[in-house]
Amino acid sequence: MTEINAALVKKLRDKTGIGMMTCKEALAATGGDIEKAVEYLRKKGLDAAAKRAGRKTGEGLVQSYIHVTGKIGVLVEVNCESDFVARGDQFRELVENICMHVAATDPIAVSPEEVPPEVVEKEKEIYREQVKNKPPEVLDKIVAGKLKKFYAEKCLLEQPYVKNTDQTVGQLIQDMIAKVGENITIRRFVRYELGEDL
C-alpha cells in the first residue's frame, strides 16, 4: 500500500481541484492509487452533483467562439448559481471548451429531451425500416439501441467530450459541479456554419 503523504494529496488536488481533506480521504479509501482516487471522487462528486441538480442557476456566461477558418461560429449560454463562480477561471474555461466542442461536433440539442418529437419519430421510422426483417420480439430493443446511439452522436450532454473522449460533456459538467460546489446547466447554444442551408 502506498504511503499517503502530502505530496500525493497535492498531486490529486492539482489533478481534480477538490479540497485537500477530501483528496486525502479518497486516497485512503483507494490505497493511495491516484487513478482509483479520481474515480472515487467522481462517484462522490456525481452524488453531490445530483443533490445540487434542482438548485436555480440564474448566473453564468454567454460565450462566443469563431473557428480559425472564420467559417464556423458558436454562441453558448452556460448557467451557474452565483456571479462568484461565473467570474472564476475554471467556469470560464469550461464555457470556452463547450463552445469549441459545439463547433467541432455540431449537436442538434442540449439533451435527448430537447430533440423535437418529429425528429425522434423520423429516426425511429428509419431504424424500423432498417431492421424490419428481424424477429418482432427484438425489433423494439434494436430501435431503442439505435436511438440511444443517435442521442450520443447528436445531443450535447450525451456526446463524448472532444478533449477527452472517455467522458461525455454531461460528465464534464458533473465534474465541474463537484469542483465548484454549485449547480451548472447548459441552457442553450447556436452554431453557424458558412453556407449552410443555401
N, C-alpha and C. Protein backbone atom coordinates (compact mmCIF):
# COMPACT_ATOMS: atom_id res chain seq x y z
N MET A 1 0.84 -1.20 0.00
CA MET A 1 0.00 0.00 0.00
C MET A 1 0.88 1.26 0.00
N THR A 2 0.56 2.21 -0.84
CA THR A 2 1.33 3.45 -0.96
C THR A 2 1.09 4.34 0.25
N GLU A 3 2.17 4.97 0.70
CA GLU A 3 2.04 5.89 1.83
C GLU A 3 1.32 7.16 1.37
N ILE A 4 0.33 7.60 2.14
CA ILE A 4 -0.44 8.78 1.74
C ILE A 4 0.18 10.00 2.39
N ASN A 5 1.14 10.60 1.66
CA ASN A 5 1.83 11.79 2.16
C ASN A 5 1.28 13.05 1.52
N ALA A 6 1.77 14.19 1.97
CA ALA A 6 1.26 15.49 1.50
C ALA A 6 1.47 15.67 -0.01
N ALA A 7 2.59 15.16 -0.53
CA ALA A 7 2.88 15.30 -1.97
C ALA A 7 1.85 14.55 -2.81
N LEU A 8 1.45 13.37 -2.35
CA LEU A 8 0.45 12.56 -3.06
C LEU A 8 -0.92 13.25 -3.02
N VAL A 9 -1.25 13.79 -1.84
CA VAL A 9 -2.51 14.50 -1.68
C VAL A 9 -2.53 15.73 -2.61
N LYS A 10 -1.40 16.47 -2.65
CA LYS A 10 -1.30 17.66 -3.51
C LYS A 10 -1.45 17.27 -4.97
N LYS A 11 -0.85 16.16 -5.36
CA LYS A 11 -0.93 15.69 -6.75
C LYS A 11 -2.39 15.44 -7.14
N LEU A 12 -3.16 14.79 -6.25
CA LEU A 12 -4.56 14.52 -6.52
C LEU A 12 -5.37 15.82 -6.53
N ARG A 13 -5.04 16.73 -5.61
CA ARG A 13 -5.73 18.03 -5.56
C ARG A 13 -5.50 18.81 -6.86
N ASP A 14 -4.24 18.83 -7.34
CA ASP A 14 -3.91 19.55 -8.57
C ASP A 14 -4.65 18.95 -9.77
N LYS A 15 -4.82 17.64 -9.73
CA LYS A 15 -5.48 16.95 -10.85
C LYS A 15 -6.99 17.16 -10.85
N THR A 16 -7.58 17.31 -9.65
CA THR A 16 -9.05 17.36 -9.55
C THR A 16 -9.62 18.71 -9.13
N GLY A 17 -8.80 19.54 -8.44
CA GLY A 17 -9.30 20.82 -7.94
C GLY A 17 -10.17 20.67 -6.70
N ILE A 18 -10.17 19.48 -6.10
CA ILE A 18 -11.01 19.21 -4.91
C ILE A 18 -10.17 19.42 -3.65
N GLY A 19 -10.82 19.77 -2.54
CA GLY A 19 -10.15 20.08 -1.27
C GLY A 19 -9.21 19.00 -0.77
N MET A 20 -8.18 19.44 -0.01
CA MET A 20 -7.12 18.55 0.49
C MET A 20 -7.66 17.40 1.34
N MET A 21 -8.58 17.72 2.26
CA MET A 21 -9.08 16.68 3.16
C MET A 21 -9.87 15.61 2.38
N THR A 22 -10.64 16.06 1.40
CA THR A 22 -11.43 15.12 0.58
C THR A 22 -10.48 14.26 -0.25
N CYS A 23 -9.41 14.88 -0.77
CA CYS A 23 -8.41 14.14 -1.54
C CYS A 23 -7.71 13.08 -0.67
N LYS A 24 -7.39 13.48 0.56
CA LYS A 24 -6.74 12.55 1.49
C LYS A 24 -7.66 11.37 1.79
N GLU A 25 -8.94 11.66 1.99
CA GLU A 25 -9.94 10.62 2.26
C GLU A 25 -10.04 9.65 1.06
N ALA A 26 -10.04 10.23 -0.15
CA ALA A 26 -10.15 9.41 -1.37
C ALA A 26 -8.93 8.50 -1.52
N LEU A 27 -7.75 9.04 -1.25
CA LEU A 27 -6.51 8.24 -1.35
C LEU A 27 -6.48 7.14 -0.30
N ALA A 28 -6.96 7.46 0.91
CA ALA A 28 -7.02 6.45 1.97
C ALA A 28 -7.98 5.32 1.58
N ALA A 29 -9.08 5.69 0.95
CA ALA A 29 -10.09 4.69 0.57
C ALA A 29 -9.65 3.82 -0.60
N THR A 30 -8.65 4.30 -1.38
CA THR A 30 -8.23 3.57 -2.58
C THR A 30 -6.79 3.08 -2.50
N GLY A 31 -6.24 3.06 -1.29
CA GLY A 31 -4.88 2.53 -1.10
C GLY A 31 -3.80 3.37 -1.76
N GLY A 32 -4.06 4.67 -1.92
CA GLY A 32 -3.04 5.56 -2.48
C GLY A 32 -2.95 5.55 -4.00
N ASP A 33 -3.88 4.88 -4.65
CA ASP A 33 -3.88 4.81 -6.13
C ASP A 33 -4.56 6.06 -6.69
N ILE A 34 -3.79 6.91 -7.38
CA ILE A 34 -4.31 8.19 -7.89
C ILE A 34 -5.50 8.00 -8.82
N GLU A 35 -5.38 7.10 -9.79
CA GLU A 35 -6.47 6.90 -10.77
C GLU A 35 -7.75 6.41 -10.10
N LYS A 36 -7.60 5.45 -9.16
CA LYS A 36 -8.78 4.96 -8.43
C LYS A 36 -9.37 6.06 -7.56
N ALA A 37 -8.50 6.91 -7.01
CA ALA A 37 -8.97 8.03 -6.17
C ALA A 37 -9.76 9.03 -7.01
N VAL A 38 -9.30 9.28 -8.25
CA VAL A 38 -10.04 10.18 -9.15
C VAL A 38 -11.43 9.61 -9.41
N GLU A 39 -11.49 8.31 -9.67
CA GLU A 39 -12.77 7.63 -9.91
C GLU A 39 -13.66 7.72 -8.67
N TYR A 40 -13.06 7.48 -7.51
CA TYR A 40 -13.77 7.55 -6.22
C TYR A 40 -14.38 8.95 -6.05
N LEU A 41 -13.58 9.98 -6.33
CA LEU A 41 -14.05 11.37 -6.20
C LEU A 41 -15.15 11.69 -7.20
N ARG A 42 -15.00 11.17 -8.41
CA ARG A 42 -16.03 11.40 -9.43
C ARG A 42 -17.36 10.80 -8.98
N LYS A 43 -17.28 9.58 -8.43
CA LYS A 43 -18.51 8.93 -7.96
C LYS A 43 -19.14 9.75 -6.83
N LYS A 44 -18.31 10.24 -5.92
CA LYS A 44 -18.81 11.07 -4.82
C LYS A 44 -19.34 12.39 -5.36
N GLY A 45 -18.61 12.93 -6.34
CA GLY A 45 -18.99 14.20 -6.95
C GLY A 45 -20.32 14.10 -7.66
N LEU A 46 -20.53 12.97 -8.32
CA LEU A 46 -21.79 12.77 -9.03
C LEU A 46 -22.94 12.73 -8.03
N ASP A 47 -22.69 12.12 -6.87
CA ASP A 47 -23.72 12.10 -5.83
C ASP A 47 -23.99 13.53 -5.35
N ALA A 48 -22.89 14.28 -5.12
CA ALA A 48 -23.03 15.66 -4.68
C ALA A 48 -23.72 16.50 -5.75
N ALA A 49 -23.37 16.25 -7.01
CA ALA A 49 -23.97 16.99 -8.12
C ALA A 49 -25.46 16.71 -8.20
N ALA A 50 -25.84 15.46 -7.97
CA ALA A 50 -27.25 15.08 -8.04
C ALA A 50 -28.06 15.85 -6.99
N LYS A 51 -27.45 16.07 -5.82
CA LYS A 51 -28.14 16.82 -4.75
C LYS A 51 -28.32 18.28 -5.14
N ARG A 52 -27.40 18.79 -5.99
CA ARG A 52 -27.46 20.20 -6.39
C ARG A 52 -28.33 20.42 -7.63
N ALA A 53 -28.73 19.34 -8.29
CA ALA A 53 -29.39 19.43 -9.59
C ALA A 53 -30.63 20.32 -9.61
N GLY A 54 -31.37 20.38 -8.51
CA GLY A 54 -32.60 21.16 -8.51
C GLY A 54 -32.39 22.64 -8.22
N ARG A 55 -31.16 23.02 -7.86
CA ARG A 55 -30.92 24.40 -7.46
C ARG A 55 -30.93 25.34 -8.66
N LYS A 56 -31.47 26.55 -8.45
CA LYS A 56 -31.66 27.53 -9.52
C LYS A 56 -30.31 28.04 -10.03
N THR A 57 -30.20 28.14 -11.35
CA THR A 57 -28.99 28.66 -11.96
C THR A 57 -29.32 29.96 -12.69
N GLY A 58 -29.18 31.08 -12.00
CA GLY A 58 -29.55 32.37 -12.57
C GLY A 58 -28.38 33.21 -13.03
N GLU A 59 -27.17 32.75 -12.78
CA GLU A 59 -25.97 33.48 -13.22
C GLU A 59 -25.29 32.66 -14.32
N GLY A 60 -24.14 33.12 -14.77
CA GLY A 60 -23.40 32.36 -15.78
C GLY A 60 -22.78 33.24 -16.83
N LEU A 61 -22.55 32.65 -18.00
CA LEU A 61 -21.88 33.35 -19.09
C LEU A 61 -22.50 33.00 -20.43
N VAL A 62 -22.45 33.97 -21.34
CA VAL A 62 -22.69 33.71 -22.75
C VAL A 62 -21.33 33.87 -23.40
N GLN A 63 -20.88 32.84 -24.07
CA GLN A 63 -19.54 32.82 -24.65
C GLN A 63 -19.64 32.61 -26.16
N SER A 64 -18.74 33.24 -26.89
CA SER A 64 -18.70 33.03 -28.34
C SER A 64 -17.39 32.36 -28.73
N TYR A 65 -17.42 31.71 -29.87
CA TYR A 65 -16.21 31.09 -30.41
C TYR A 65 -16.31 31.14 -31.93
N ILE A 66 -15.28 31.64 -32.56
CA ILE A 66 -15.20 31.65 -34.02
C ILE A 66 -14.00 30.79 -34.40
N HIS A 67 -14.24 29.78 -35.22
CA HIS A 67 -13.17 28.88 -35.65
C HIS A 67 -12.13 29.66 -36.43
N VAL A 68 -10.89 29.21 -36.38
CA VAL A 68 -9.76 29.90 -37.01
C VAL A 68 -10.00 30.16 -38.50
N THR A 69 -10.77 29.31 -39.16
CA THR A 69 -11.06 29.50 -40.59
C THR A 69 -12.08 30.61 -40.83
N GLY A 70 -12.79 31.02 -39.77
CA GLY A 70 -13.82 32.03 -39.90
C GLY A 70 -15.11 31.49 -40.52
N LYS A 71 -15.22 30.17 -40.64
CA LYS A 71 -16.39 29.57 -41.31
C LYS A 71 -17.38 28.94 -40.33
N ILE A 72 -17.00 28.82 -39.06
CA ILE A 72 -17.90 28.28 -38.04
C ILE A 72 -17.89 29.22 -36.84
N GLY A 73 -19.09 29.56 -36.36
CA GLY A 73 -19.22 30.40 -35.17
C GLY A 73 -20.22 29.79 -34.21
N VAL A 74 -19.96 29.95 -32.91
CA VAL A 74 -20.81 29.35 -31.88
C VAL A 74 -21.09 30.37 -30.78
N LEU A 75 -22.32 30.36 -30.27
CA LEU A 75 -22.70 31.09 -29.06
C LEU A 75 -23.27 30.06 -28.09
N VAL A 76 -22.81 30.09 -26.84
CA VAL A 76 -23.28 29.14 -25.82
C VAL A 76 -23.62 29.91 -24.55
N GLU A 77 -24.75 29.54 -23.91
CA GLU A 77 -25.09 30.07 -22.59
C GLU A 77 -24.99 28.94 -21.58
N VAL A 78 -24.10 29.12 -20.60
CA VAL A 78 -23.95 28.15 -19.51
C VAL A 78 -24.26 28.87 -18.21
N ASN A 79 -25.12 28.28 -17.39
CA ASN A 79 -25.57 28.92 -16.15
C ASN A 79 -25.00 28.23 -14.92
N CYS A 80 -24.83 29.04 -13.87
CA CYS A 80 -24.42 28.54 -12.55
C CYS A 80 -25.24 29.31 -11.51
N GLU A 81 -24.95 29.09 -10.24
CA GLU A 81 -25.78 29.69 -9.18
C GLU A 81 -25.34 31.08 -8.76
N SER A 82 -24.03 31.38 -8.86
CA SER A 82 -23.55 32.66 -8.35
C SER A 82 -22.62 33.36 -9.33
N ASP A 83 -22.59 34.69 -9.21
CA ASP A 83 -21.70 35.51 -10.02
C ASP A 83 -20.24 35.19 -9.68
N PHE A 84 -19.99 34.83 -8.43
CA PHE A 84 -18.63 34.48 -7.98
C PHE A 84 -18.07 33.33 -8.82
N VAL A 85 -18.85 32.27 -8.99
CA VAL A 85 -18.41 31.12 -9.80
C VAL A 85 -18.33 31.51 -11.27
N ALA A 86 -19.31 32.28 -11.75
CA ALA A 86 -19.33 32.69 -13.17
C ALA A 86 -18.08 33.47 -13.55
N ARG A 87 -17.51 34.23 -12.60
CA ARG A 87 -16.32 35.02 -12.90
C ARG A 87 -15.03 34.23 -12.72
N GLY A 88 -15.12 33.02 -12.19
CA GLY A 88 -13.93 32.22 -11.91
C GLY A 88 -13.31 31.62 -13.17
N ASP A 89 -12.00 31.41 -13.11
CA ASP A 89 -11.26 30.88 -14.27
C ASP A 89 -11.74 29.49 -14.68
N GLN A 90 -12.05 28.63 -13.70
CA GLN A 90 -12.48 27.26 -14.01
C GLN A 90 -13.77 27.26 -14.82
N PHE A 91 -14.71 28.10 -14.40
CA PHE A 91 -16.01 28.17 -15.09
C PHE A 91 -15.83 28.75 -16.49
N ARG A 92 -15.04 29.81 -16.61
CA ARG A 92 -14.80 30.44 -17.91
C ARG A 92 -14.16 29.45 -18.89
N GLU A 93 -13.20 28.70 -18.37
CA GLU A 93 -12.53 27.70 -19.22
C GLU A 93 -13.51 26.62 -19.66
N LEU A 94 -14.38 26.20 -18.74
CA LEU A 94 -15.41 25.21 -19.07
C LEU A 94 -16.29 25.71 -20.21
N VAL A 95 -16.75 26.95 -20.11
CA VAL A 95 -17.66 27.51 -21.13
C VAL A 95 -16.94 27.62 -22.48
N GLU A 96 -15.68 28.05 -22.45
CA GLU A 96 -14.89 28.13 -23.70
C GLU A 96 -14.75 26.75 -24.33
N ASN A 97 -14.47 25.75 -23.51
CA ASN A 97 -14.31 24.38 -24.02
C ASN A 97 -15.61 23.84 -24.61
N ILE A 98 -16.74 24.20 -23.99
CA ILE A 98 -18.04 23.76 -24.52
C ILE A 98 -18.28 24.42 -25.89
N CYS A 99 -17.92 25.70 -26.01
CA CYS A 99 -18.03 26.39 -27.30
C CYS A 99 -17.24 25.65 -28.38
N MET A 100 -16.00 25.33 -28.09
CA MET A 100 -15.16 24.64 -29.07
C MET A 100 -15.72 23.26 -29.40
N HIS A 101 -16.26 22.59 -28.37
CA HIS A 101 -16.86 21.26 -28.58
C HIS A 101 -18.05 21.37 -29.54
N VAL A 102 -18.92 22.36 -29.33
CA VAL A 102 -20.09 22.55 -30.20
C VAL A 102 -19.65 22.83 -31.64
N ALA A 103 -18.60 23.64 -31.78
CA ALA A 103 -18.08 23.94 -33.12
C ALA A 103 -17.62 22.67 -33.82
N ALA A 104 -16.97 21.78 -33.06
CA ALA A 104 -16.41 20.56 -33.63
C ALA A 104 -17.44 19.48 -33.92
N THR A 105 -18.50 19.39 -33.10
CA THR A 105 -19.39 18.22 -33.18
C THR A 105 -20.78 18.48 -33.74
N ASP A 106 -21.19 19.74 -33.83
CA ASP A 106 -22.48 20.10 -34.42
C ASP A 106 -23.68 19.35 -33.82
N PRO A 107 -23.90 19.46 -32.48
CA PRO A 107 -25.08 18.81 -31.89
C PRO A 107 -26.37 19.49 -32.33
N ILE A 108 -27.50 18.78 -32.18
CA ILE A 108 -28.79 19.38 -32.57
C ILE A 108 -29.60 19.83 -31.36
N ALA A 109 -29.22 19.38 -30.15
CA ALA A 109 -29.95 19.74 -28.93
C ALA A 109 -29.02 19.58 -27.73
N VAL A 110 -29.39 20.22 -26.61
CA VAL A 110 -28.58 20.07 -25.39
C VAL A 110 -28.72 18.66 -24.83
N SER A 111 -29.97 18.15 -24.76
CA SER A 111 -30.23 16.83 -24.17
C SER A 111 -31.25 16.08 -25.03
N PRO A 112 -31.39 14.76 -24.83
CA PRO A 112 -32.38 14.00 -25.59
C PRO A 112 -33.80 14.55 -25.43
N GLU A 113 -34.12 15.09 -24.25
CA GLU A 113 -35.46 15.63 -24.00
C GLU A 113 -35.77 16.83 -24.90
N GLU A 114 -34.73 17.49 -25.39
CA GLU A 114 -34.92 18.69 -26.20
C GLU A 114 -34.97 18.41 -27.71
N VAL A 115 -34.76 17.16 -28.10
CA VAL A 115 -34.85 16.82 -29.52
C VAL A 115 -36.33 16.88 -29.91
N PRO A 116 -36.67 17.61 -30.97
CA PRO A 116 -38.08 17.71 -31.36
C PRO A 116 -38.70 16.33 -31.60
N PRO A 117 -39.95 16.10 -31.12
CA PRO A 117 -40.60 14.80 -31.26
C PRO A 117 -40.65 14.29 -32.70
N GLU A 118 -40.83 15.21 -33.66
CA GLU A 118 -40.91 14.78 -35.07
C GLU A 118 -39.57 14.22 -35.56
N VAL A 119 -38.45 14.75 -35.02
CA VAL A 119 -37.12 14.23 -35.37
C VAL A 119 -36.96 12.82 -34.81
N VAL A 120 -37.38 12.64 -33.54
CA VAL A 120 -37.29 11.32 -32.90
C VAL A 120 -38.12 10.30 -33.68
N GLU A 121 -39.34 10.68 -34.04
CA GLU A 121 -40.22 9.76 -34.79
C GLU A 121 -39.63 9.41 -36.15
N LYS A 122 -39.04 10.39 -36.82
CA LYS A 122 -38.42 10.15 -38.14
C LYS A 122 -37.27 9.17 -38.00
N GLU A 123 -36.45 9.34 -36.96
CA GLU A 123 -35.32 8.42 -36.72
C GLU A 123 -35.85 7.00 -36.45
N LYS A 124 -36.87 6.89 -35.59
CA LYS A 124 -37.44 5.58 -35.27
C LYS A 124 -37.97 4.90 -36.53
N GLU A 125 -38.61 5.68 -37.40
CA GLU A 125 -39.15 5.16 -38.66
C GLU A 125 -38.02 4.59 -39.53
N ILE A 126 -36.93 5.32 -39.62
CA ILE A 126 -35.76 4.87 -40.39
C ILE A 126 -35.20 3.58 -39.80
N TYR A 127 -35.05 3.53 -38.48
CA TYR A 127 -34.49 2.34 -37.82
C TYR A 127 -35.40 1.13 -37.99
N ARG A 128 -36.72 1.35 -37.89
CA ARG A 128 -37.66 0.23 -38.06
C ARG A 128 -37.55 -0.34 -39.47
N GLU A 129 -37.39 0.53 -40.44
CA GLU A 129 -37.24 0.09 -41.83
C GLU A 129 -35.94 -0.71 -42.00
N GLN A 130 -34.88 -0.26 -41.34
CA GLN A 130 -33.58 -0.93 -41.43
C GLN A 130 -33.62 -2.35 -40.86
N VAL A 131 -34.45 -2.57 -39.83
CA VAL A 131 -34.46 -3.88 -39.13
C VAL A 131 -35.79 -4.61 -39.29
N LYS A 132 -36.54 -4.28 -40.33
CA LYS A 132 -37.89 -4.84 -40.48
C LYS A 132 -37.90 -6.37 -40.61
N ASN A 133 -36.79 -6.96 -41.01
CA ASN A 133 -36.73 -8.42 -41.18
C ASN A 133 -36.33 -9.17 -39.90
N LYS A 134 -36.07 -8.41 -38.84
CA LYS A 134 -35.71 -9.03 -37.56
C LYS A 134 -36.97 -9.54 -36.87
N PRO A 135 -36.82 -10.52 -35.96
CA PRO A 135 -37.99 -11.01 -35.21
C PRO A 135 -38.65 -9.88 -34.43
N PRO A 136 -39.99 -9.87 -34.39
CA PRO A 136 -40.72 -8.77 -33.72
C PRO A 136 -40.31 -8.56 -32.26
N GLU A 137 -39.96 -9.66 -31.57
CA GLU A 137 -39.62 -9.53 -30.13
C GLU A 137 -38.32 -8.75 -29.89
N VAL A 138 -37.43 -8.65 -30.90
CA VAL A 138 -36.19 -7.90 -30.71
C VAL A 138 -36.20 -6.55 -31.41
N LEU A 139 -37.20 -6.33 -32.25
CA LEU A 139 -37.27 -5.11 -33.05
C LEU A 139 -37.24 -3.84 -32.21
N ASP A 140 -38.07 -3.77 -31.17
CA ASP A 140 -38.13 -2.56 -30.33
C ASP A 140 -36.81 -2.31 -29.60
N LYS A 141 -36.15 -3.40 -29.17
CA LYS A 141 -34.87 -3.26 -28.47
C LYS A 141 -33.81 -2.70 -29.42
N ILE A 142 -33.81 -3.19 -30.65
CA ILE A 142 -32.83 -2.71 -31.64
C ILE A 142 -33.07 -1.23 -31.94
N VAL A 143 -34.32 -0.86 -32.13
CA VAL A 143 -34.68 0.54 -32.40
C VAL A 143 -34.26 1.43 -31.21
N ALA A 144 -34.52 0.97 -29.99
CA ALA A 144 -34.14 1.73 -28.79
C ALA A 144 -32.62 1.90 -28.71
N GLY A 145 -31.89 0.84 -29.05
CA GLY A 145 -30.42 0.90 -29.06
C GLY A 145 -29.89 1.89 -30.08
N LYS A 146 -30.50 1.89 -31.26
CA LYS A 146 -30.08 2.82 -32.32
C LYS A 146 -30.42 4.26 -31.95
N LEU A 147 -31.55 4.44 -31.27
CA LEU A 147 -31.95 5.78 -30.83
C LEU A 147 -30.98 6.31 -29.77
N LYS A 148 -30.55 5.42 -28.88
CA LYS A 148 -29.57 5.80 -27.85
C LYS A 148 -28.26 6.26 -28.51
N LYS A 149 -27.85 5.54 -29.56
CA LYS A 149 -26.63 5.90 -30.29
C LYS A 149 -26.81 7.25 -30.98
N PHE A 150 -28.00 7.49 -31.53
CA PHE A 150 -28.33 8.78 -32.17
C PHE A 150 -28.18 9.92 -31.16
N TYR A 151 -28.72 9.73 -29.94
CA TYR A 151 -28.59 10.75 -28.90
C TYR A 151 -27.13 11.00 -28.54
N ALA A 152 -26.34 9.93 -28.46
CA ALA A 152 -24.91 10.06 -28.13
C ALA A 152 -24.16 10.84 -29.20
N GLU A 153 -24.65 10.77 -30.43
CA GLU A 153 -24.00 11.49 -31.53
C GLU A 153 -24.51 12.93 -31.66
N LYS A 154 -25.79 13.16 -31.34
CA LYS A 154 -26.43 14.44 -31.67
C LYS A 154 -26.82 15.33 -30.49
N CYS A 155 -26.79 14.81 -29.25
CA CYS A 155 -27.17 15.61 -28.08
C CYS A 155 -25.92 16.00 -27.30
N LEU A 156 -25.76 17.28 -27.09
CA LEU A 156 -24.55 17.83 -26.48
C LEU A 156 -24.13 17.10 -25.21
N LEU A 157 -25.05 16.92 -24.26
CA LEU A 157 -24.68 16.30 -22.98
C LEU A 157 -24.31 14.82 -23.10
N GLU A 158 -24.78 14.17 -24.16
CA GLU A 158 -24.52 12.74 -24.36
C GLU A 158 -23.25 12.49 -25.19
N GLN A 159 -22.76 13.52 -25.87
CA GLN A 159 -21.62 13.34 -26.77
C GLN A 159 -20.33 13.10 -26.00
N PRO A 160 -19.44 12.24 -26.53
CA PRO A 160 -18.10 12.14 -25.94
C PRO A 160 -17.41 13.50 -26.08
N TYR A 161 -16.84 13.98 -24.99
CA TYR A 161 -16.18 15.28 -24.98
C TYR A 161 -14.94 15.25 -25.86
N VAL A 162 -14.80 16.21 -26.78
CA VAL A 162 -13.73 16.15 -27.79
C VAL A 162 -12.32 16.17 -27.19
N LYS A 163 -12.14 16.79 -26.04
CA LYS A 163 -10.80 16.85 -25.44
C LYS A 163 -10.48 15.62 -24.59
N ASN A 164 -11.51 14.84 -24.28
CA ASN A 164 -11.32 13.59 -23.51
C ASN A 164 -12.50 12.68 -23.81
N THR A 165 -12.37 11.84 -24.81
CA THR A 165 -13.50 11.03 -25.28
C THR A 165 -13.88 9.91 -24.30
N ASP A 166 -13.13 9.78 -23.19
CA ASP A 166 -13.51 8.80 -22.16
C ASP A 166 -14.67 9.31 -21.31
N GLN A 167 -15.01 10.59 -21.44
CA GLN A 167 -16.15 11.12 -20.70
C GLN A 167 -17.06 11.90 -21.63
N THR A 168 -18.32 11.99 -21.25
CA THR A 168 -19.28 12.76 -22.04
C THR A 168 -19.24 14.22 -21.58
N VAL A 169 -19.87 15.10 -22.34
CA VAL A 169 -19.98 16.50 -21.93
C VAL A 169 -20.78 16.58 -20.62
N GLY A 170 -21.79 15.72 -20.49
CA GLY A 170 -22.57 15.67 -19.25
C GLY A 170 -21.71 15.34 -18.05
N GLN A 171 -20.78 14.40 -18.21
CA GLN A 171 -19.87 14.03 -17.11
C GLN A 171 -18.90 15.17 -16.82
N LEU A 172 -18.48 15.88 -17.86
CA LEU A 172 -17.61 17.05 -17.69
C LEU A 172 -18.31 18.09 -16.81
N ILE A 173 -19.59 18.32 -17.08
CA ILE A 173 -20.39 19.26 -16.28
C ILE A 173 -20.51 18.77 -14.84
N GLN A 174 -20.78 17.47 -14.67
CA GLN A 174 -20.90 16.90 -13.31
C GLN A 174 -19.60 17.06 -12.53
N ASP A 175 -18.47 16.85 -13.20
CA ASP A 175 -17.17 17.03 -12.54
C ASP A 175 -16.98 18.48 -12.09
N MET A 176 -17.40 19.42 -12.92
CA MET A 176 -17.26 20.84 -12.57
C MET A 176 -18.19 21.20 -11.41
N ILE A 177 -19.38 20.62 -11.39
CA ILE A 177 -20.31 20.83 -10.27
C ILE A 177 -19.65 20.39 -8.97
N ALA A 178 -18.99 19.22 -9.02
CA ALA A 178 -18.31 18.70 -7.83
C ALA A 178 -17.18 19.63 -7.41
N LYS A 179 -16.48 20.23 -8.37
CA LYS A 179 -15.35 21.11 -8.05
C LYS A 179 -15.79 22.44 -7.46
N VAL A 180 -16.80 23.06 -8.07
CA VAL A 180 -17.17 24.41 -7.63
C VAL A 180 -18.28 24.42 -6.58
N GLY A 181 -18.96 23.29 -6.40
CA GLY A 181 -20.00 23.21 -5.36
C GLY A 181 -21.29 23.92 -5.71
N GLU A 182 -21.53 24.14 -7.02
CA GLU A 182 -22.77 24.77 -7.46
C GLU A 182 -23.35 23.99 -8.62
N ASN A 183 -24.66 24.11 -8.79
CA ASN A 183 -25.31 23.51 -9.95
C ASN A 183 -24.89 24.28 -11.21
N ILE A 184 -24.67 23.56 -12.30
CA ILE A 184 -24.29 24.16 -13.58
C ILE A 184 -25.16 23.53 -14.65
N THR A 185 -25.71 24.36 -15.53
CA THR A 185 -26.52 23.84 -16.63
C THR A 185 -26.12 24.52 -17.93
N ILE A 186 -26.18 23.76 -19.02
CA ILE A 186 -26.03 24.36 -20.35
C ILE A 186 -27.44 24.73 -20.78
N ARG A 187 -27.71 26.01 -20.91
CA ARG A 187 -29.08 26.44 -21.22
C ARG A 187 -29.38 26.32 -22.70
N ARG A 188 -28.47 26.84 -23.54
CA ARG A 188 -28.74 26.81 -24.98
C ARG A 188 -27.46 27.10 -25.75
N PHE A 189 -27.52 26.82 -27.03
CA PHE A 189 -26.39 27.13 -27.91
C PHE A 189 -26.93 27.35 -29.32
N VAL A 190 -26.13 28.03 -30.11
CA VAL A 190 -26.43 28.15 -31.53
C VAL A 190 -25.10 28.04 -32.29
N ARG A 191 -25.13 27.33 -33.40
CA ARG A 191 -23.91 27.12 -34.19
C ARG A 191 -24.20 27.54 -35.62
N TYR A 192 -23.33 28.38 -36.15
CA TYR A 192 -23.46 28.84 -37.53
C TYR A 192 -22.31 28.27 -38.34
N GLU A 193 -22.63 27.81 -39.54
CA GLU A 193 -21.59 27.35 -40.46
C GLU A 193 -21.81 28.04 -41.78
N LEU A 194 -20.76 28.67 -42.30
CA LEU A 194 -20.85 29.43 -43.54
C LEU A 194 -21.47 28.57 -44.66
N GLY A 195 -22.50 29.13 -45.29
CA GLY A 195 -23.10 28.47 -46.45
C GLY A 195 -24.11 27.39 -46.14
N GLU A 196 -24.36 27.08 -44.85
CA GLU A 196 -25.33 26.01 -44.56
C GLU A 196 -26.73 26.44 -44.96
N ASP A 197 -27.55 25.48 -45.37
CA ASP A 197 -28.94 25.70 -45.79
C ASP A 197 -29.09 26.61 -47.02
N LEU A 198 -28.02 26.76 -47.78
CA LEU A 198 -28.15 27.57 -49.01
C LEU A 198 -28.75 26.72 -50.12
